[in-house]
PDB file of N, CA and C in Angstrom:
ATOM      1  N   UNK A   1      -3.345   9.774  14.740  1.00  0.00           N
ATOM      2  CA  UNK A   1      -4.617   9.435  14.136  1.00  0.00           C
ATOM      3  C   UNK A   1      -5.634  10.507  14.503  1.00  0.00           C
ATOM      4  N   UNK A   2      -6.398  10.909  13.499  1.00  0.00           N
ATOM      5  CA  UNK A   2      -7.337  12.000  13.708  1.00  0.00           C
ATOM      6  C   UNK A   2      -8.735  11.614  13.245  1.00  0.00           C
ATOM      7  N   UNK A   3      -9.710  12.216  13.886  1.00  0.00           N
ATOM      8  CA  UNK A   3     -11.099  11.995  13.507  1.00  0.00           C
ATOM      9  C   UNK A   3     -11.281  12.308  12.024  1.00  0.00           C
ATOM     10  N   UNK A   4     -11.975  11.404  11.329  1.00  0.00           N
ATOM     11  CA  UNK A   4     -12.221  11.580   9.903  1.00  0.00           C
ATOM     12  C   UNK A   4     -11.277  10.803   9.009  1.00  0.00           C
ATOM     13  N   UNK A   5     -10.182  10.311   9.564  1.00  0.00           N
ATOM     14  CA  UNK A   5      -9.258   9.517   8.748  1.00  0.00           C
ATOM     15  C   UNK A   5      -9.842   8.134   8.489  1.00  0.00           C
ATOM     16  N   UNK A   6      -9.566   7.617   7.314  1.00  0.00           N
ATOM     17  CA  UNK A   6      -9.989   6.262   6.952  1.00  0.00           C
ATOM     18  C   UNK A   6      -8.753   5.373   6.960  1.00  0.00           C
ATOM     19  N   UNK A   7      -8.845   4.272   7.675  1.00  0.00           N
ATOM     20  CA  UNK A   7      -7.758   3.307   7.815  1.00  0.00           C
ATOM     21  C   UNK A   7      -8.281   1.926   7.452  1.00  0.00           C
ATOM     22  N   UNK A   8      -7.360   1.000   7.267  1.00  0.00           N
ATOM     23  CA  UNK A   8      -7.763  -0.398   7.159  1.00  0.00           C
ATOM     24  C   UNK A   8      -7.652  -1.022   8.548  1.00  0.00           C
ATOM     25  N   UNK A   9      -8.558  -1.939   8.831  1.00  0.00           N
ATOM     26  CA  UNK A   9      -8.574  -2.663  10.104  1.00  0.00           C
ATOM     27  C   UNK A   9      -8.381  -4.136   9.811  1.00  0.00           C
ATOM     28  N   UNK A  10      -7.389  -4.724  10.470  1.00  0.00           N
ATOM     29  CA  UNK A  10      -7.134  -6.156  10.339  1.00  0.00           C
ATOM     30  C   UNK A  10      -7.535  -6.831  11.642  1.00  0.00           C
ATOM     31  N   UNK A  11      -8.746  -7.334  11.688  1.00  0.00           N
ATOM     32  CA  UNK A  11      -9.232  -7.985  12.901  1.00  0.00           C
ATOM     33  C   UNK A  11     -10.248  -9.047  12.512  1.00  0.00           C
ATOM     34  N   UNK A  12      -9.938 -10.292  12.788  1.00  0.00           N
ATOM     35  CA  UNK A  12     -10.823 -11.402  12.421  1.00  0.00           C
ATOM     36  C   UNK A  12     -12.195 -11.315  13.080  1.00  0.00           C
ATOM     37  N   UNK A  13     -12.324 -10.537  14.140  1.00  0.00           N
ATOM     38  CA  UNK A  13     -13.626 -10.408  14.802  1.00  0.00           C
ATOM     39  C   UNK A  13     -14.631  -9.667  13.923  1.00  0.00           C
ATOM     40  N   UNK A  14     -14.149  -8.864  12.984  1.00  0.00           N
ATOM     41  CA  UNK A  14     -15.041  -8.049  12.163  1.00  0.00           C
ATOM     42  C   UNK A  14     -15.090  -8.488  10.707  1.00  0.00           C
ATOM     43  N   UNK A  15     -14.040  -9.100  10.210  1.00  0.00           N
ATOM     44  CA  UNK A  15     -14.029  -9.537   8.810  1.00  0.00           C
ATOM     45  C   UNK A  15     -12.822 -10.432   8.583  1.00  0.00           C
ATOM     46  N   UNK A  16     -12.907 -11.253   7.561  1.00  0.00           N
ATOM     47  CA  UNK A  16     -11.801 -12.158   7.251  1.00  0.00           C
ATOM     48  C   UNK A  16     -10.684 -11.442   6.500  1.00  0.00           C
ATOM     49  N   UNK A  17     -10.960 -10.244   6.006  1.00  0.00           N
ATOM     50  CA  UNK A  17      -9.942  -9.457   5.304  1.00  0.00           C
ATOM     51  C   UNK A  17      -9.935  -8.042   5.883  1.00  0.00           C
ATOM     52  N   UNK A  18      -8.897  -7.299   5.573  1.00  0.00           N
ATOM     53  CA  UNK A  18      -8.825  -5.918   6.047  1.00  0.00           C
ATOM     54  C   UNK A  18     -10.001  -5.133   5.488  1.00  0.00           C
ATOM     55  N   UNK A  19     -10.622  -4.322   6.330  1.00  0.00           N
ATOM     56  CA  UNK A  19     -11.773  -3.538   5.885  1.00  0.00           C
ATOM     57  C   UNK A  19     -11.563  -2.079   6.272  1.00  0.00           C
ATOM     58  N   UNK A  20     -12.204  -1.160   5.560  1.00  0.00           N
ATOM     59  CA  UNK A  20     -12.038   0.252   5.900  1.00  0.00           C
ATOM     60  C   UNK A  20     -12.855   0.640   7.129  1.00  0.00           C
ATOM     61  N   UNK A  21     -12.279   1.538   7.904  1.00  0.00           N
ATOM     62  CA  UNK A  21     -12.933   2.088   9.090  1.00  0.00           C
ATOM     63  C   UNK A  21     -12.651   3.583   9.121  1.00  0.00           C
ATOM     64  N   UNK A  22     -13.505   4.322   9.808  1.00  0.00           N
ATOM     65  CA  UNK A  22     -13.273   5.757   9.971  1.00  0.00           C
ATOM     66  C   UNK A  22     -13.060   6.059  11.453  1.00  0.00           C
ATOM     67  N   UNK A  23     -12.045   6.855  11.735  1.00  0.00           N
ATOM     68  CA  UNK A  23     -11.745   7.256  13.107  1.00  0.00           C
ATOM     69  C   UNK A  23     -12.788   8.276  13.547  1.00  0.00           C
ATOM     70  N   UNK A  24     -13.428   8.025  14.695  1.00  0.00           N
ATOM     71  CA  UNK A  24     -14.401   8.976  15.238  1.00  0.00           C
ATOM     72  C   UNK A  24     -13.955   9.521  16.595  1.00  0.00           C
ATOM     73  N   UNK A  25     -12.847   9.039  17.091  1.00  0.00           N
ATOM     74  CA  UNK A  25     -12.301   9.519  18.362  1.00  0.00           C
ATOM     75  C   UNK A  25     -11.614  10.858  18.143  1.00  0.00           C
ATOM     76  N   UNK A  26     -11.816  11.783  19.063  1.00  0.00           N
ATOM     77  CA  UNK A  26     -11.196  13.094  18.964  1.00  0.00           C
ATOM     78  C   UNK A  26      -9.682  12.978  19.134  1.00  0.00           C
ATOM     79  N   UNK A  27      -8.942  13.760  18.380  1.00  0.00           N
ATOM     80  CA  UNK A  27      -7.479  13.725  18.431  1.00  0.00           C
ATOM     81  C   UNK A  27      -6.940  14.171  19.788  1.00  0.00           C
ATOM     82  N   UNK A  28      -7.746  14.885  20.562  1.00  0.00           N
ATOM     83  CA  UNK A  28      -7.327  15.325  21.898  1.00  0.00           C
ATOM     84  C   UNK A  28      -7.134  14.146  22.849  1.00  0.00           C
ATOM     85  N   UNK A  29      -7.665  12.990  22.489  1.00  0.00           N
ATOM     86  CA  UNK A  29      -7.619  11.809  23.352  1.00  0.00           C
ATOM     87  C   UNK A  29      -6.703  10.766  22.703  1.00  0.00           C
ATOM     88  N   UNK A  30      -5.451  11.121  22.516  1.00  0.00           N
ATOM     89  CA  UNK A  30      -4.510  10.247  21.812  1.00  0.00           C
ATOM     90  C   UNK A  30      -3.711   9.336  22.724  1.00  0.00           C
ATOM     91  N   UNK A  31      -3.750   9.564  24.022  1.00  0.00           N
ATOM     92  CA  UNK A  31      -2.829   8.869  24.921  1.00  0.00           C
ATOM     93  C   UNK A  31      -3.267   7.459  25.305  1.00  0.00           C
ATOM     94  N   UNK A  32      -4.230   6.892  24.583  1.00  0.00           N
ATOM     95  CA  UNK A  32      -4.655   5.520  24.837  1.00  0.00           C
ATOM     96  C   UNK A  32      -4.059   4.586  23.790  1.00  0.00           C
ATOM     97  N   UNK A  33      -3.967   3.304  24.131  1.00  0.00           N
ATOM     98  CA  UNK A  33      -3.510   2.301  23.166  1.00  0.00           C
ATOM     99  C   UNK A  33      -4.614   1.921  22.195  1.00  0.00           C
ATOM    100  N   UNK A  34      -5.848   2.315  22.519  1.00  0.00           N
ATOM    101  CA  UNK A  34      -6.991   1.954  21.680  1.00  0.00           C
ATOM    102  C   UNK A  34      -7.524   3.185  20.950  1.00  0.00           C
ATOM    103  N   UNK A  35      -8.384   2.916  19.962  1.00  0.00           N
ATOM    104  CA  UNK A  35      -8.977   3.981  19.149  1.00  0.00           C
ATOM    105  C   UNK A  35     -10.433   3.623  18.860  1.00  0.00           C
ATOM    106  N   UNK A  36     -11.299   4.642  18.803  1.00  0.00           N
ATOM    107  CA  UNK A  36     -12.725   4.436  18.553  1.00  0.00           C
ATOM    108  C   UNK A  36     -13.000   4.675  17.072  1.00  0.00           C
ATOM    109  N   UNK A  37     -13.687   3.715  16.461  1.00  0.00           N
ATOM    110  CA  UNK A  37     -13.915   3.710  15.016  1.00  0.00           C
ATOM    111  C   UNK A  37     -15.360   3.387  14.697  1.00  0.00           C
ATOM    112  N   UNK A  38     -15.749   3.683  13.458  1.00  0.00           N
ATOM    113  CA  UNK A  38     -16.992   3.161  12.884  1.00  0.00           C
ATOM    114  C   UNK A  38     -16.616   2.367  11.644  1.00  0.00           C
ATOM    115  N   UNK A  39     -17.255   1.222  11.490  1.00  0.00           N
ATOM    116  CA  UNK A  39     -17.006   0.377  10.328  1.00  0.00           C
ATOM    117  C   UNK A  39     -17.663   0.969   9.091  1.00  0.00           C
ATOM    118  N   UNK A  40     -17.091   0.669   7.927  1.00  0.00           N
ATOM    119  CA  UNK A  40     -17.680   1.051   6.649  1.00  0.00           C
ATOM    120  C   UNK A  40     -18.119  -0.200   5.913  1.00  0.00           C
ATOM    121  N   UNK A  41     -19.124  -0.044   5.067  1.00  0.00           N
ATOM    122  CA  UNK A  41     -19.588  -1.139   4.225  1.00  0.00           C
ATOM    123  C   UNK A  41     -19.917  -0.590   2.849  1.00  0.00           C
ATOM    124  N   UNK A  42     -19.818  -1.438   1.845  1.00  0.00           N
ATOM    125  CA  UNK A  42     -20.251  -1.039   0.502  1.00  0.00           C
ATOM    126  C   UNK A  42     -21.651  -1.572   0.215  1.00  0.00           C
ATOM    127  N   UNK A  43     -22.215  -2.324   1.170  1.00  0.00           N
ATOM    128  CA  UNK A  43     -23.581  -2.825   1.022  1.00  0.00           C
ATOM    129  C   UNK A  43     -24.539  -1.641   0.982  1.00  0.00           C
ATOM    130  N   UNK A  44     -25.403  -1.596  -0.009  1.00  0.00           N
ATOM    131  CA  UNK A  44     -26.326  -0.471  -0.189  1.00  0.00           C
ATOM    132  C   UNK A  44     -27.234  -0.342   1.026  1.00  0.00           C
ATOM    133  N   UNK A  45     -27.013   0.712   1.797  1.00  0.00           N
ATOM    134  CA  UNK A  45     -27.712   0.897   3.066  1.00  0.00           C
ATOM    135  C   UNK A  45     -28.511   2.188   3.104  1.00  0.00           C
ATOM    136  N   UNK A  46     -28.980   2.656   1.964  1.00  0.00           N
ATOM    137  CA  UNK A  46     -29.731   3.918   1.922  1.00  0.00           C
ATOM    138  C   UNK A  46     -30.946   3.916   2.839  1.00  0.00           C
ATOM    139  N   UNK A  47     -31.512   2.749   3.091  1.00  0.00           N
ATOM    140  CA  UNK A  47     -32.735   2.687   3.899  1.00  0.00           C
ATOM    141  C   UNK A  47     -32.474   2.515   5.394  1.00  0.00           C
ATOM    142  N   UNK A  48     -31.221   2.510   5.818  1.00  0.00           N
ATOM    143  CA  UNK A  48     -30.887   2.393   7.239  1.00  0.00           C
ATOM    144  C   UNK A  48     -30.499   3.785   7.730  1.00  0.00           C
ATOM    145  N   UNK A  49     -31.325   4.365   8.578  1.00  0.00           N
ATOM    146  CA  UNK A  49     -31.199   5.786   8.930  1.00  0.00           C
ATOM    147  C   UNK A  49     -29.925   6.147   9.684  1.00  0.00           C
ATOM    148  N   UNK A  50     -29.288   5.189  10.327  1.00  0.00           N
ATOM    149  CA  UNK A  50     -28.081   5.493  11.099  1.00  0.00           C
ATOM    150  C   UNK A  50     -26.818   5.501  10.244  1.00  0.00           C
ATOM    151  N   UNK A  51     -26.940   5.180   8.982  1.00  0.00           N
ATOM    152  CA  UNK A  51     -25.766   5.085   8.111  1.00  0.00           C
ATOM    153  C   UNK A  51     -25.584   6.352   7.282  1.00  0.00           C
ATOM    154  N   UNK A  52     -24.336   6.717   7.087  1.00  0.00           N
ATOM    155  CA  UNK A  52     -23.990   7.929   6.349  1.00  0.00           C
ATOM    156  C   UNK A  52     -23.322   7.522   5.043  1.00  0.00           C
ATOM    157  N   UNK A  53     -23.918   7.933   3.940  1.00  0.00           N
ATOM    158  CA  UNK A  53     -23.394   7.576   2.621  1.00  0.00           C
ATOM    159  C   UNK A  53     -22.162   8.409   2.297  1.00  0.00           C
ATOM    160  N   UNK A  54     -21.150   7.736   1.738  1.00  0.00           N
ATOM    161  CA  UNK A  54     -19.912   8.391   1.339  1.00  0.00           C
ATOM    162  C   UNK A  54     -19.620   8.003  -0.105  1.00  0.00           C
ATOM    163  N   UNK A  55     -19.513   8.994  -0.955  1.00  0.00           N
ATOM    164  CA  UNK A  55     -19.166   8.743  -2.355  1.00  0.00           C
ATOM    165  C   UNK A  55     -17.645   8.794  -2.499  1.00  0.00           C
ATOM    166  N   UNK A  56     -17.094   8.024  -3.429  1.00  0.00           N
ATOM    167  CA  UNK A  56     -15.641   8.029  -3.623  1.00  0.00           C
ATOM    168  C   UNK A  56     -15.129   9.404  -4.069  1.00  0.00           C
ATOM    169  N   UNK A  57     -14.015   9.811  -3.485  1.00  0.00           N
ATOM    170  CA  UNK A  57     -13.326  11.042  -3.894  1.00  0.00           C
ATOM    171  C   UNK A  57     -11.825  10.774  -3.866  1.00  0.00           C
ATOM    172  N   UNK A  58     -11.065  11.700  -4.404  1.00  0.00           N
ATOM    173  CA  UNK A  58      -9.605  11.568  -4.339  1.00  0.00           C
ATOM    174  C   UNK A  58      -9.128  11.614  -2.889  1.00  0.00           C
ATOM    175  N   UNK A  59      -9.795  12.414  -2.049  1.00  0.00           N
ATOM    176  CA  UNK A  59      -9.380  12.547  -0.646  1.00  0.00           C
ATOM    177  C   UNK A  59      -9.653  11.299   0.184  1.00  0.00           C
ATOM    178  N   UNK A  60     -10.817  10.647  -0.041  1.00  0.00           N
ATOM    179  CA  UNK A  60     -11.113   9.475   0.794  1.00  0.00           C
ATOM    180  C   UNK A  60     -10.592   8.179   0.188  1.00  0.00           C
ATOM    181  N   UNK A  61     -10.246   8.191  -1.091  1.00  0.00           N
ATOM    182  CA  UNK A  61      -9.638   7.049  -1.789  1.00  0.00           C
ATOM    183  C   UNK A  61     -10.505   5.790  -1.790  1.00  0.00           C
ATOM    184  N   UNK A  62     -11.800   5.941  -1.528  1.00  0.00           N
ATOM    185  CA  UNK A  62     -12.701   4.790  -1.629  1.00  0.00           C
ATOM    186  C   UNK A  62     -12.936   4.495  -3.110  1.00  0.00           C
ATOM    187  N   UNK A  63     -13.208   3.254  -3.431  1.00  0.00           N
ATOM    188  CA  UNK A  63     -13.372   2.869  -4.834  1.00  0.00           C
ATOM    189  C   UNK A  63     -14.827   2.743  -5.250  1.00  0.00           C
ATOM    190  N   UNK A  64     -15.743   2.793  -4.276  1.00  0.00           N
ATOM    191  CA  UNK A  64     -17.175   2.726  -4.593  1.00  0.00           C
ATOM    192  C   UNK A  64     -17.975   3.395  -3.482  1.00  0.00           C
ATOM    193  N   UNK A  65     -19.258   3.643  -3.766  1.00  0.00           N
ATOM    194  CA  UNK A  65     -20.117   4.209  -2.732  1.00  0.00           C
ATOM    195  C   UNK A  65     -20.038   3.335  -1.487  1.00  0.00           C
ATOM    196  N   UNK A  66     -19.908   3.984  -0.349  1.00  0.00           N
ATOM    197  CA  UNK A  66     -19.792   3.264   0.923  1.00  0.00           C
ATOM    198  C   UNK A  66     -20.697   3.920   1.952  1.00  0.00           C
ATOM    199  N   UNK A  67     -20.867   3.228   3.072  1.00  0.00           N
ATOM    200  CA  UNK A  67     -21.725   3.718   4.144  1.00  0.00           C
ATOM    201  C   UNK A  67     -20.992   3.576   5.471  1.00  0.00           C
ATOM    202  N   UNK A  68     -20.933   4.674   6.224  1.00  0.00           N
ATOM    203  CA  UNK A  68     -20.380   4.635   7.574  1.00  0.00           C
ATOM    204  C   UNK A  68     -21.481   4.099   8.473  1.00  0.00           C
ATOM    205  N   UNK A  69     -21.211   2.991   9.134  1.00  0.00           N
ATOM    206  CA  UNK A  69     -22.197   2.351  10.004  1.00  0.00           C
ATOM    207  C   UNK A  69     -22.042   2.918  11.416  1.00  0.00           C
ATOM    208  N   UNK A  70     -22.750   4.020  11.685  1.00  0.00           N
ATOM    209  CA  UNK A  70     -22.605   4.647  13.002  1.00  0.00           C
ATOM    210  C   UNK A  70     -23.146   3.762  14.117  1.00  0.00           C
ATOM    211  N   UNK A  71     -23.947   2.770  13.757  1.00  0.00           N
ATOM    212  CA  UNK A  71     -24.429   1.816  14.768  1.00  0.00           C
ATOM    213  C   UNK A  71     -23.395   0.722  15.042  1.00  0.00           C
ATOM    214  N   UNK A  72     -22.285   0.748  14.317  1.00  0.00           N
ATOM    215  CA  UNK A  72     -21.197  -0.227  14.502  1.00  0.00           C
ATOM    216  C   UNK A  72     -19.969   0.507  15.027  1.00  0.00           C
ATOM    217  N   UNK A  73     -20.067   0.982  16.262  1.00  0.00           N
ATOM    218  CA  UNK A  73     -18.961   1.672  16.923  1.00  0.00           C
ATOM    219  C   UNK A  73     -18.080   0.607  17.567  1.00  0.00           C
ATOM    220  N   UNK A  74     -16.787   0.651  17.274  1.00  0.00           N
ATOM    221  CA  UNK A  74     -15.867  -0.330  17.850  1.00  0.00           C
ATOM    222  C   UNK A  74     -14.651   0.388  18.435  1.00  0.00           C
ATOM    223  N   UNK A  75     -14.114  -0.196  19.479  1.00  0.00           N
ATOM    224  CA  UNK A  75     -12.863   0.277  20.050  1.00  0.00           C
ATOM    225  C   UNK A  75     -11.863  -0.852  19.909  1.00  0.00           C
ATOM    226  N   UNK A  76     -10.746  -0.569  19.249  1.00  0.00           N
ATOM    227  CA  UNK A  76      -9.739  -1.598  19.004  1.00  0.00           C
ATOM    228  C   UNK A  76      -8.361  -1.064  19.371  1.00  0.00           C
ATOM    229  N   UNK A  77      -7.444  -1.978  19.554  1.00  0.00           N
ATOM    230  CA  UNK A  77      -6.055  -1.613  19.774  1.00  0.00           C
ATOM    231  C   UNK A  77      -5.521  -0.961  18.500  1.00  0.00           C
ATOM    232  N   UNK A  78      -4.796   0.121  18.647  1.00  0.00           N
ATOM    233  CA  UNK A  78      -4.249   0.833  17.484  1.00  0.00           C
ATOM    234  C   UNK A  78      -3.361  -0.067  16.631  1.00  0.00           C
ATOM    235  N   UNK A  79      -2.769  -1.084  17.244  1.00  0.00           N
ATOM    236  CA  UNK A  79      -1.889  -1.994  16.508  1.00  0.00           C
ATOM    237  C   UNK A  79      -2.634  -2.786  15.435  1.00  0.00           C
ATOM    238  N   UNK A  80      -3.963  -2.869  15.538  1.00  0.00           N
ATOM    239  CA  UNK A  80      -4.754  -3.602  14.545  1.00  0.00           C
ATOM    240  C   UNK A  80      -5.020  -2.790  13.282  1.00  0.00           C
ATOM    241  N   UNK A  81      -4.699  -1.504  13.326  1.00  0.00           N
ATOM    242  CA  UNK A  81      -4.900  -0.687  12.133  1.00  0.00           C
ATOM    243  C   UNK A  81      -3.772  -0.937  11.142  1.00  0.00           C
ATOM    244  N   UNK A  82      -4.154  -1.010   9.881  1.00  0.00           N
ATOM    245  CA  UNK A  82      -3.175  -1.231   8.823  1.00  0.00           C
ATOM    246  C   UNK A  82      -2.617   0.079   8.316  1.00  0.00           C
ATOM    247  N   UNK A  83      -3.111   0.501   7.142  1.00  0.00           N
ATOM    248  CA  UNK A  83      -2.593   1.735   6.563  1.00  0.00           C
ATOM    249  C   UNK A  83      -3.696   2.781   6.455  1.00  0.00           C
ATOM    250  N   UNK A  84      -3.261   4.018   6.471  1.00  0.00           N
ATOM    251  CA  UNK A  84      -4.194   5.125   6.269  1.00  0.00           C
ATOM    252  C   UNK A  84      -4.535   5.181   4.783  1.00  0.00           C
ATOM    253  N   UNK A  85      -5.842   5.217   4.489  1.00  0.00           N
ATOM    254  CA  UNK A  85      -6.305   5.249   3.102  1.00  0.00           C
ATOM    255  C   UNK A  85      -6.566   6.681   2.656  1.00  0.00           C
ATOM    256  N   UNK A  86      -7.239   7.450   3.502  1.00  0.00           N
ATOM    257  CA  UNK A  86      -7.627   8.809   3.134  1.00  0.00           C
ATOM    258  C   UNK A  86      -8.352   9.471   4.283  1.00  0.00           C
ATOM    259  N   UNK A  87      -9.192  10.459   3.957  1.00  0.00           N
ATOM    260  CA  UNK A  87      -9.933  11.157   5.003  1.00  0.00           C
ATOM    261  C   UNK A  87     -11.252  11.676   4.449  1.00  0.00           C
ATOM    262  N   UNK A  88     -12.201  11.856   5.363  1.00  0.00           N
ATOM    263  CA  UNK A  88     -13.523  12.358   5.007  1.00  0.00           C
ATOM    264  C   UNK A  88     -13.569  13.873   5.179  1.00  0.00           C
ATOM    265  N   UNK A  89     -14.400  14.523   4.376  1.00  0.00           N
ATOM    266  CA  UNK A  89     -14.549  15.972   4.465  1.00  0.00           C
ATOM    267  C   UNK A  89     -15.327  16.345   5.731  1.00  0.00           C
ATOM    268  N   UNK A  90     -15.245  17.603   6.104  1.00  0.00           N
ATOM    269  CA  UNK A  90     -15.856  18.072   7.353  1.00  0.00           C
ATOM    270  C   UNK A  90     -17.375  17.948   7.342  1.00  0.00           C
ATOM    271  N   UNK A  91     -18.010  18.163   6.197  1.00  0.00           N
ATOM    272  CA  UNK A  91     -19.469  18.046   6.114  1.00  0.00           C
ATOM    273  C   UNK A  91     -19.920  16.611   6.413  1.00  0.00           C
ATOM    274  N   UNK A  92     -19.204  15.636   5.863  1.00  0.00           N
ATOM    275  CA  UNK A  92     -19.518  14.230   6.128  1.00  0.00           C
ATOM    276  C   UNK A  92     -19.279  13.900   7.595  1.00  0.00           C
ATOM    277  N   UNK A  93     -18.186  14.406   8.160  1.00  0.00           N
ATOM    278  CA  UNK A  93     -17.903  14.142   9.571  1.00  0.00           C
ATOM    279  C   UNK A  93     -18.958  14.774  10.474  1.00  0.00           C
ATOM    280  N   UNK A  94     -19.474  15.929  10.098  1.00  0.00           N
ATOM    281  CA  UNK A  94     -20.545  16.547  10.886  1.00  0.00           C
ATOM    282  C   UNK A  94     -21.774  15.651  10.882  1.00  0.00           C
ATOM    283  N   UNK A  95     -22.098  15.089   9.723  1.00  0.00           N
ATOM    284  CA  UNK A  95     -23.241  14.178   9.628  1.00  0.00           C
ATOM    285  C   UNK A  95     -23.012  12.925  10.479  1.00  0.00           C
ATOM    286  N   UNK A  96     -21.793  12.406  10.456  1.00  0.00           N
ATOM    287  CA  UNK A  96     -21.455  11.233  11.270  1.00  0.00           C
ATOM    288  C   UNK A  96     -21.598  11.567  12.757  1.00  0.00           C
ATOM    289  N   UNK A  97     -21.062  12.702  13.182  1.00  0.00           N
ATOM    290  CA  UNK A  97     -21.178  13.104  14.597  1.00  0.00           C
ATOM    291  C   UNK A  97     -22.640  13.270  15.002  1.00  0.00           C
ATOM    292  N   UNK A  98     -23.447  13.851  14.117  1.00  0.00           N
ATOM    293  CA  UNK A  98     -24.876  14.002  14.413  1.00  0.00           C
ATOM    294  C   UNK A  98     -25.556  12.647  14.572  1.00  0.00           C
ATOM    295  N   UNK A  99     -25.226  11.700  13.708  1.00  0.00           N
ATOM    296  CA  UNK A  99     -25.810  10.358  13.802  1.00  0.00           C
ATOM    297  C   UNK A  99     -25.356   9.660  15.079  1.00  0.00           C
ATOM    298  N   UNK A 100     -24.080   9.821  15.441  1.00  0.00           N
ATOM    299  CA  UNK A 100     -23.580   9.215  16.679  1.00  0.00           C
ATOM    300  C   UNK A 100     -24.287   9.811  17.896  1.00  0.00           C
ATOM    301  N   UNK A 101     -24.472  11.123  17.906  1.00  0.00           N
ATOM    302  CA  UNK A 101     -25.168  11.777  19.019  1.00  0.00           C
ATOM    303  C   UNK A 101     -26.603  11.269  19.123  1.00  0.00           C
ATOM    304  N   UNK A 102     -27.279  11.138  17.984  1.00  0.00           N
ATOM    305  CA  UNK A 102     -28.650  10.617  17.965  1.00  0.00           C
ATOM    306  C   UNK A 102     -28.684   9.183  18.485  1.00  0.00           C
ATOM    307  N   UNK A 103     -27.784   8.361  17.968  1.00  0.00           N
ATOM    308  CA  UNK A 103     -27.737   6.949  18.329  1.00  0.00           C
ATOM    309  C   UNK A 103     -27.479   6.757  19.823  1.00  0.00           C
ATOM    310  N   UNK A 104     -26.623   7.595  20.384  1.00  0.00           N
ATOM    311  CA  UNK A 104     -26.248   7.465  21.792  1.00  0.00           C
ATOM    312  C   UNK A 104     -27.158   8.257  22.727  1.00  0.00           C
ATOM    313  N   UNK A 105     -28.120   8.967  22.155  1.00  0.00           N
ATOM    314  CA  UNK A 105     -29.065   9.713  22.978  1.00  0.00           C
ATOM    315  C   UNK A 105     -28.470  10.917  23.673  1.00  0.00           C
ATOM    316  N   UNK A 106     -27.470  11.535  23.067  1.00  0.00           N
ATOM    317  CA  UNK A 106     -26.839  12.700  23.692  1.00  0.00           C
ATOM    318  C   UNK A 106     -27.164  13.990  22.950  1.00  0.00           C
ATOM    319  N   UNK A 107     -28.226  13.937  22.176  1.00  0.00           N
ATOM    320  CA  UNK A 107     -28.639  15.130  21.440  1.00  0.00           C
ATOM    321  C   UNK A 107     -30.100  15.382  21.662  1.00  0.00           C
TER     322      UNK A 107
END
């Protein structure tokens, strides 16, 4: 699993159905049973500054405009991930990393 990949997450704590998530954990840190993710939503969140808008592309395989909720950082067991859907481009991942740094006060 690599940063920028979009997977489905099956966990009743976050939703009653599988939902898309983006991996934000660096691939250099693979030796854990858990993985760090940000949840995605299709709820129009243009006015929430911590969210990164993602438009559907062939690479990310999303079906509608979505938003990476950088304020919704979760760590889950890798076994809860379903299937890999696609991946985000580097420009979008840079924006996500910038938002995470801002949110966590490390920038």
